[in-house]
Amino acid sequence: MSTQLQAVSGSPSLETTNTDRSFVKRWKHKNLFDRGFLAVPALFLQHYARLKPHPLTTGEALFVLHLMEFKWDAKEPFPGYKTVAARMGVSDKMTRRYAQSLEAKHYLRRGKRVGRTNLFDLNPLFDALSKAVEQANKKELPASSRKANKGNTYAILEWYESMIESYNLLSDEEKIELAEWDRTKGDGNGKLSKSDWKGWEKYIGKKPE
């Protein structure tokens, strides 16, 4: 299994450790990639919670990521619920609920096979994601403004990465404050993202515009 995963995932930047953009330089430990890595469209992470008409929950998004690990080619992945549940740290029943919910939202098609695990077709989800991206692009600024903002893209991505890494630097009081802020103003009410919490500025500076 690991051989197949490595062959499909590939590792073009693992060995080239003399560049700051290599995976090893970014994540420090080369052995973390011994079984390959998962290629996830950044736009999935940026849009899953805002998809229309049905956004994905955090649990559903994580379930999708686990299904994606088993998608080695154009064919539908077919991991067992028990396998995914063990990796997510939840019950088999919970993973089935995620699948049922995604199916009800028309983001997933399950193919039943007698005596074997289900096939999971994620094409409906990524069709919806592609449509959401196209609609978002239509609402962007004019070409001249987009060109000016393009150089800021990497700064924003790096800031988000620093935000995730700096969470461990927060004091217990700050973590409680962040949780309360998110509960009253953040994702829970569909208003602001956790990244808008002003407490991050103390550690990583102001969020890029």
C-alpha atoms as a PDB file:
ATOM      1  CA  MET A   1       0.000   0.000   0.000  1.00  0.00           C
ATOM      2  CA  SER A   2       2.751   2.459   0.941  1.00  0.00           C
ATOM      3  CA  THR A   3       4.585   1.815  -2.329  1.00  0.00           C
ATOM      4  CA  GLN A   4       1.506   2.661  -4.317  1.00  0.00           C
ATOM      5  CA  LEU A   5       0.876   5.798  -2.307  1.00  0.00           C
ATOM      6  CA  GLN A   6       4.442   7.003  -2.741  1.00  0.00           C
ATOM      7  CA  ALA A   7       4.351   6.367  -6.475  1.00  0.00           C
ATOM      8  CA  VAL A   8       1.215   8.396  -6.926  1.00  0.00           C
ATOM      9  CA  SER A   9       2.005  11.177  -4.497  1.00  0.00           C
ATOM     10  CA  GLY A  10       5.547  11.730  -5.659  1.00  0.00           C
ATOM     11  CA  SER A  11       8.089  13.888  -3.872  1.00  0.00           C
ATOM     12  CA  PRO A  12       9.621  16.416  -6.278  1.00  0.00           C
ATOM     13  CA  SER A  13      10.820  18.842  -3.623  1.00  0.00           C
ATOM     14  CA  LEU A  14      11.777  16.482  -0.795  1.00  0.00           C
ATOM     15  CA  GLU A  15      15.293  15.733  -1.975  1.00  0.00           C
ATOM     16  CA  THR A  16      16.052  19.294  -3.056  1.00  0.00           C
ATOM     17  CA  THR A  17      16.709  20.424   0.480  1.00  0.00           C
ATOM     18  CA  ASN A  18      18.865  23.381  -0.550  1.00  0.00           C
ATOM     19  CA  THR A  19      15.747  25.440  -1.215  1.00  0.00           C
ATOM     20  CA  ASP A  20      13.642  27.066   1.478  1.00  0.00           C
ATOM     21  CA  ARG A  21      10.514  25.878  -0.328  1.00  0.00           C
ATOM     22  CA  SER A  22      11.302  22.166  -0.025  1.00  0.00           C
ATOM     23  CA  PHE A  23       8.946  20.119   2.132  1.00  0.00           C
ATOM     24  CA  VAL A  24      11.788  19.141   4.447  1.00  0.00           C
ATOM     25  CA  LYS A  25      12.754  22.765   5.064  1.00  0.00           C
ATOM     26  CA  ARG A  26       9.119  23.665   5.696  1.00  0.00           C
ATOM     27  CA  TRP A  27       8.266  20.792   8.035  1.00  0.00           C
ATOM     28  CA  LYS A  28      11.753  19.861   9.330  1.00  0.00           C
ATOM     29  CA  HIS A  29      11.422  16.057   9.389  1.00  0.00           C
ATOM     30  CA  LYS A  30      11.981  14.135   6.142  1.00  0.00           C
ATOM     31  CA  ASN A  31      10.637  10.890   7.608  1.00  0.00           C
ATOM     32  CA  LEU A  32       7.181  12.465   7.830  1.00  0.00           C
ATOM     33  CA  PHE A  33       6.962  11.983   4.065  1.00  0.00           C
ATOM     34  CA  ASP A  34       8.099   8.344   3.988  1.00  0.00           C
ATOM     35  CA  ARG A  35       4.596   7.294   2.916  1.00  0.00           C
ATOM     36  CA  GLY A  36       4.056  10.166   0.519  1.00  0.00           C
ATOM     37  CA  PHE A  37       2.020  13.321   0.863  1.00  0.00           C
ATOM     38  CA  LEU A  38      -1.460  14.529  -0.005  1.00  0.00           C
ATOM     39  CA  ALA A  39      -2.038  17.121  -2.731  1.00  0.00           C
ATOM     40  CA  VAL A  40      -4.938  19.271  -1.528  1.00  0.00           C
ATOM     41  CA  PRO A  41      -6.178  22.242  -3.561  1.00  0.00           C
ATOM     42  CA  ALA A  42      -5.748  25.313  -1.373  1.00  0.00           C
ATOM     43  CA  LEU A  43      -9.087  26.541  -2.707  1.00  0.00           C
ATOM     44  CA  PHE A  44     -10.800  23.573  -1.045  1.00  0.00           C
ATOM     45  CA  LEU A  45      -9.543  24.765   2.346  1.00  0.00           C
ATOM     46  CA  GLN A  46     -10.506  28.341   1.532  1.00  0.00           C
ATOM     47  CA  HIS A  47     -14.035  27.617   0.284  1.00  0.00           C
ATOM     48  CA  TYR A  48     -15.413  24.463   1.960  1.00  0.00           C
ATOM     49  CA  ALA A  49     -16.982  26.392   4.860  1.00  0.00           C
ATOM     50  CA  ARG A  50     -18.646  28.840   2.450  1.00  0.00           C
ATOM     51  CA  LEU A  51     -19.895  26.560  -0.302  1.00  0.00           C
ATOM     52  CA  LYS A  52     -23.429  27.278  -1.443  1.00  0.00           C
ATOM     53  CA  PRO A  53     -26.102  26.196  -0.905  1.00  0.00           C
ATOM     54  CA  HIS A  54     -24.578  23.839   1.671  1.00  0.00           C
ATOM     55  CA  PRO A  55     -21.249  24.575   3.406  1.00  0.00           C
ATOM     56  CA  LEU A  56     -19.233  21.685   4.781  1.00  0.00           C
ATOM     57  CA  THR A  57     -18.741  21.281   8.507  1.00  0.00           C
ATOM     58  CA  THR A  58     -15.209  20.913   9.837  1.00  0.00           C
ATOM     59  CA  GLY A  59     -15.831  17.204  10.439  1.00  0.00           C
ATOM     60  CA  GLU A  60     -17.107  16.689   6.907  1.00  0.00           C
ATOM     61  CA  ALA A  61     -14.082  18.501   5.453  1.00  0.00           C
ATOM     62  CA  LEU A  62     -11.692  16.327   7.460  1.00  0.00           C
ATOM     63  CA  PHE A  63     -13.589  13.220   6.318  1.00  0.00           C
ATOM     64  CA  VAL A  64     -13.124  14.363   2.701  1.00  0.00           C
ATOM     65  CA  LEU A  65      -9.378  14.832   3.264  1.00  0.00           C
ATOM     66  CA  HIS A  66      -9.124  11.266   4.543  1.00  0.00           C
ATOM     67  CA  LEU A  67     -10.995   9.982   1.489  1.00  0.00           C
ATOM     68  CA  MET A  68      -8.604  11.955  -0.713  1.00  0.00           C
ATOM     69  CA  GLU A  69      -5.628  10.114   0.775  1.00  0.00           C
ATOM     70  CA  PHE A  70      -6.984   6.921  -0.789  1.00  0.00           C
ATOM     71  CA  LYS A  71      -7.576   8.462  -4.213  1.00  0.00           C
ATOM     72  CA  TRP A  72      -4.511   7.257  -6.095  1.00  0.00           C
ATOM     73  CA  ASP A  73      -5.798   7.839  -9.623  1.00  0.00           C
ATOM     74  CA  ALA A  74      -8.959   8.862 -11.497  1.00  0.00           C
ATOM     75  CA  LYS A  75     -10.921   5.984  -9.958  1.00  0.00           C
ATOM     76  CA  GLU A  76     -13.100   6.416  -6.872  1.00  0.00           C
ATOM     77  CA  PRO A  77     -11.381   5.725  -3.521  1.00  0.00           C
ATOM     78  CA  PHE A  78     -12.796   2.904  -1.409  1.00  0.00           C
ATOM     79  CA  PRO A  79     -11.486   2.972   2.196  1.00  0.00           C
ATOM     80  CA  GLY A  80     -13.532   1.242   4.880  1.00  0.00           C
ATOM     81  CA  TYR A  81     -15.440   3.273   7.452  1.00  0.00           C
ATOM     82  CA  LYS A  82     -13.467   1.597  10.248  1.00  0.00           C
ATOM     83  CA  THR A  83     -10.168   2.654   8.704  1.00  0.00           C
ATOM     84  CA  VAL A  84     -11.230   6.291   8.349  1.00  0.00           C
ATOM     85  CA  ALA A  85     -12.850   6.312  11.789  1.00  0.00           C
ATOM     86  CA  ALA A  86      -9.645   5.059  13.423  1.00  0.00           C
ATOM     87  CA  ARG A  87      -7.611   7.785  11.745  1.00  0.00           C
ATOM     88  CA  MET A  88     -10.091  10.506  12.655  1.00  0.00           C
ATOM     89  CA  GLY A  89     -10.462   9.274  16.222  1.00  0.00           C
ATOM     90  CA  VAL A  90     -14.242   8.934  15.919  1.00  0.00           C
ATOM     91  CA  SER A  91     -16.720   6.066  15.768  1.00  0.00           C
ATOM     92  CA  ASP A  92     -17.656   4.109  12.647  1.00  0.00           C
ATOM     93  CA  LYS A  93     -21.159   5.508  13.082  1.00  0.00           C
ATOM     94  CA  MET A  94     -19.804   9.069  12.938  1.00  0.00           C
ATOM     95  CA  THR A  95     -17.967   8.487   9.653  1.00  0.00           C
ATOM     96  CA  ARG A  96     -21.153   7.002   8.179  1.00  0.00           C
ATOM     97  CA  ARG A  97     -23.006  10.135   9.275  1.00  0.00           C
ATOM     98  CA  TYR A  98     -20.438  12.318   7.518  1.00  0.00           C
ATOM     99  CA  ALA A  99     -20.906  10.292   4.339  1.00  0.00           C
ATOM    100  CA  GLN A 100     -24.709  10.432   4.611  1.00  0.00           C
ATOM    101  CA  SER A 101     -24.630  14.187   5.195  1.00  0.00           C
ATOM    102  CA  LEU A 102     -22.326  14.823   2.230  1.00  0.00           C
ATOM    103  CA  GLU A 103     -24.552  12.637   0.085  1.00  0.00           C
ATOM    104  CA  ALA A 104     -27.641  14.558   1.207  1.00  0.00           C
ATOM    105  CA  LYS A 105     -25.879  17.802   0.239  1.00  0.00           C
ATOM    106  CA  HIS A 106     -25.177  16.278  -3.193  1.00  0.00           C
ATOM    107  CA  TYR A 107     -21.402  16.479  -2.708  1.00  0.00           C
ATOM    108  CA  LEU A 108     -20.779  12.728  -2.552  1.00  0.00           C
ATOM    109  CA  ARG A 109     -21.989   9.640  -4.379  1.00  0.00           C
ATOM    110  CA  ARG A 110     -21.514   6.266  -2.744  1.00  0.00           C
ATOM    111  CA  GLY A 111     -21.258   3.157  -4.858  1.00  0.00           C
ATOM    112  CA  LYS A 112     -22.303   0.055  -2.963  1.00  0.00           C
ATOM    113  CA  ARG A 113     -20.429  -3.186  -3.624  1.00  0.00           C
ATOM    114  CA  VAL A 114     -21.622  -6.529  -2.271  1.00  0.00           C
ATOM    115  CA  GLY A 115     -19.312  -7.758   0.464  1.00  0.00           C
ATOM    116  CA  ARG A 116     -16.829  -4.948  -0.137  1.00  0.00           C
ATOM    117  CA  THR A 117     -16.284  -1.356   0.959  1.00  0.00           C
ATOM    118  CA  ASN A 118     -18.156   1.487  -0.715  1.00  0.00           C
ATOM    119  CA  LEU A 119     -16.793   3.536  -3.569  1.00  0.00           C
ATOM    120  CA  PHE A 120     -16.713   7.257  -2.748  1.00  0.00           C
ATOM    121  CA  ASP A 121     -17.196   9.576  -5.716  1.00  0.00           C
ATOM    122  CA  LEU A 122     -16.090  13.102  -4.746  1.00  0.00           C
ATOM    123  CA  ASN A 123     -16.602  14.610  -8.202  1.00  0.00           C
ATOM    124  CA  PRO A 124     -19.850  16.390  -7.210  1.00  0.00           C
ATOM    125  CA  LEU A 125     -18.025  18.183  -4.394  1.00  0.00           C
ATOM    126  CA  PHE A 126     -15.176  19.375  -6.568  1.00  0.00           C
ATOM    127  CA  ASP A 127     -17.582  20.346  -9.347  1.00  0.00           C
ATOM    128  CA  ALA A 128     -19.336  22.563  -6.785  1.00  0.00           C
ATOM    129  CA  LEU A 129     -15.991  23.904  -5.576  1.00  0.00           C
ATOM    130  CA  SER A 130     -14.925  24.755  -9.128  1.00  0.00           C
ATOM    131  CA  LYS A 131     -18.187  26.607  -9.687  1.00  0.00           C
ATOM    132  CA  ALA A 132     -17.726  28.524  -6.421  1.00  0.00           C
ATOM    133  CA  VAL A 133     -14.216  29.554  -7.470  1.00  0.00           C
ATOM    134  CA  GLU A 134     -15.454  30.747 -10.866  1.00  0.00           C
ATOM    135  CA  GLN A 135     -18.174  32.825  -9.212  1.00  0.00           C
ATOM    136  CA  ALA A 136     -15.683  34.294  -6.755  1.00  0.00           C
ATOM    137  CA  ASN A 137     -13.327  35.212  -9.596  1.00  0.00           C
ATOM    138  CA  LYS A 138     -16.098  37.119 -11.355  1.00  0.00           C
ATOM    139  CA  LYS A 139     -16.450  39.293  -8.279  1.00  0.00           C
ATOM    140  CA  GLU A 140     -12.743  40.108  -8.118  1.00  0.00           C
ATOM    141  CA  LEU A 141     -11.247  43.523  -8.762  1.00  0.00           C
ATOM    142  CA  PRO A 142     -10.353  44.682 -12.304  1.00  0.00           C
ATOM    143  CA  ALA A 143      -7.261  43.184 -13.945  1.00  0.00           C
ATOM    144  CA  SER A 144      -5.035  46.120 -12.975  1.00  0.00           C
ATOM    145  CA  SER A 145      -5.950  45.723  -9.315  1.00  0.00           C
ATOM    146  CA  ARG A 146      -5.553  41.935  -9.450  1.00  0.00           C
ATOM    147  CA  LYS A 147      -2.008  42.391 -10.772  1.00  0.00           C
ATOM    148  CA  ALA A 148      -1.170  44.680  -7.875  1.00  0.00           C
ATOM    149  CA  ASN A 149      -2.556  42.181  -5.381  1.00  0.00           C
ATOM    150  CA  LYS A 150      -0.893  39.111  -6.887  1.00  0.00           C
ATOM    151  CA  GLY A 151       2.406  39.834  -5.194  1.00  0.00           C
ATOM    152  CA  ASN A 152       0.646  39.845  -1.850  1.00  0.00           C
ATOM    153  CA  THR A 153      -0.695  36.301  -2.230  1.00  0.00           C
ATOM    154  CA  TYR A 154       2.401  34.608  -0.839  1.00  0.00           C
ATOM    155  CA  ALA A 155       2.505  37.013   2.087  1.00  0.00           C
ATOM    156  CA  ILE A 156      -1.087  36.105   2.979  1.00  0.00           C
ATOM    157  CA  LEU A 157      -0.430  32.362   2.710  1.00  0.00           C
ATOM    158  CA  GLU A 158       2.708  32.669   4.838  1.00  0.00           C
ATOM    159  CA  TRP A 159       0.771  34.702   7.407  1.00  0.00           C
ATOM    160  CA  TYR A 160      -1.893  31.980   7.665  1.00  0.00           C
ATOM    161  CA  GLU A 161       0.803  29.344   8.117  1.00  0.00           C
ATOM    162  CA  SER A 162       2.442  31.437  10.838  1.00  0.00           C
ATOM    163  CA  MET A 163      -0.951  31.849  12.527  1.00  0.00           C
ATOM    164  CA  ILE A 164      -1.399  28.090  12.759  1.00  0.00           C
ATOM    165  CA  GLU A 165       2.124  27.574  14.083  1.00  0.00           C
ATOM    166  CA  SER A 166       1.834  30.413  16.607  1.00  0.00           C
ATOM    167  CA  TYR A 167      -1.240  28.879  18.254  1.00  0.00           C
ATOM    168  CA  ASN A 168       1.074  26.896  20.537  1.00  0.00           C
ATOM    169  CA  LEU A 169       2.608  30.178  21.707  1.00  0.00           C
ATOM    170  CA  LEU A 170      -0.687  31.465  23.064  1.00  0.00           C
ATOM    171  CA  SER A 171      -1.164  31.493  26.803  1.00  0.00           C
ATOM    172  CA  ASP A 172      -4.061  29.555  28.315  1.00  0.00           C
ATOM    173  CA  GLU A 173      -5.880  32.855  28.844  1.00  0.00           C
ATOM    174  CA  GLU A 174      -5.379  33.826  25.188  1.00  0.00           C
ATOM    175  CA  LYS A 175      -6.649  30.457  23.987  1.00  0.00           C
ATOM    176  CA  ILE A 176      -9.776  30.926  26.091  1.00  0.00           C
ATOM    177  CA  GLU A 177     -10.155  34.456  24.715  1.00  0.00           C
ATOM    178  CA  LEU A 178      -9.785  33.163  21.139  1.00  0.00           C
ATOM    179  CA  ALA A 179     -12.358  30.436  21.733  1.00  0.00           C
ATOM    180  CA  GLU A 180     -14.826  32.940  23.172  1.00  0.00           C
ATOM    181  CA  TRP A 181     -14.197  35.373  20.313  1.00  0.00           C
ATOM    182  CA  ASP A 182     -14.786  32.615  17.771  1.00  0.00           C
ATOM    183  CA  ARG A 183     -17.974  31.571  19.557  1.00  0.00           C
ATOM    184  CA  THR A 184     -19.466  35.052  19.534  1.00  0.00           C
ATOM    185  CA  LYS A 185     -18.004  36.595  16.373  1.00  0.00           C
ATOM    186  CA  GLY A 186     -16.234  33.917  14.382  1.00  0.00           C
ATOM    187  CA  ASP A 187     -17.039  30.943  12.187  1.00  0.00           C
ATOM    188  CA  GLY A 188     -19.770  29.726  14.490  1.00  0.00           C
ATOM    189  CA  ASN A 189     -21.971  32.596  13.371  1.00  0.00           C
ATOM    190  CA  GLY A 190     -20.641  32.740   9.818  1.00  0.00           C
ATOM    191  CA  LYS A 191     -19.298  36.270  10.259  1.00  0.00           C
ATOM    192  CA  LEU A 192     -15.548  36.495  10.709  1.00  0.00           C
ATOM    193  CA  SER A 193     -12.716  34.007  10.451  1.00  0.00           C
ATOM    194  CA  LYS A 194     -10.471  33.106  13.389  1.00  0.00           C
ATOM    195  CA  SER A 195      -7.728  34.851  11.455  1.00  0.00           C
ATOM    196  CA  ASP A 196      -9.470  38.182  12.150  1.00  0.00           C
ATOM    197  CA  TRP A 197      -8.862  37.899  15.900  1.00  0.00           C
ATOM    198  CA  LYS A 198      -6.649  40.846  16.884  1.00  0.00           C
ATOM    199  CA  GLY A 199      -4.633  38.733  19.317  1.00  0.00           C
ATOM    200  CA  TRP A 200      -2.551  37.281  16.487  1.00  0.00           C
ATOM    201  CA  GLU A 201      -0.883  40.655  15.857  1.00  0.00           C
ATOM    202  CA  LYS A 202       1.158  40.308  19.047  1.00  0.00           C
ATOM    203  CA  TYR A 203       2.914  37.248  17.609  1.00  0.00           C
ATOM    204  CA  ILE A 204       2.881  37.520  13.822  1.00  0.00           C
ATOM    205  CA  GLY A 205       1.926  41.070  12.997  1.00  0.00           C
ATOM    206  CA  LYS A 206      -1.136  42.439  11.240  1.00  0.00           C
ATOM    207  CA  LYS A 207      -3.002  40.229   8.793  1.00  0.00           C
ATOM    208  CA  PRO A 208      -2.086  41.193   5.183  1.00  0.00           C
ATOM    209  CA  GLU A 209      -4.854  42.915   3.232  1.00  0.00           C
END
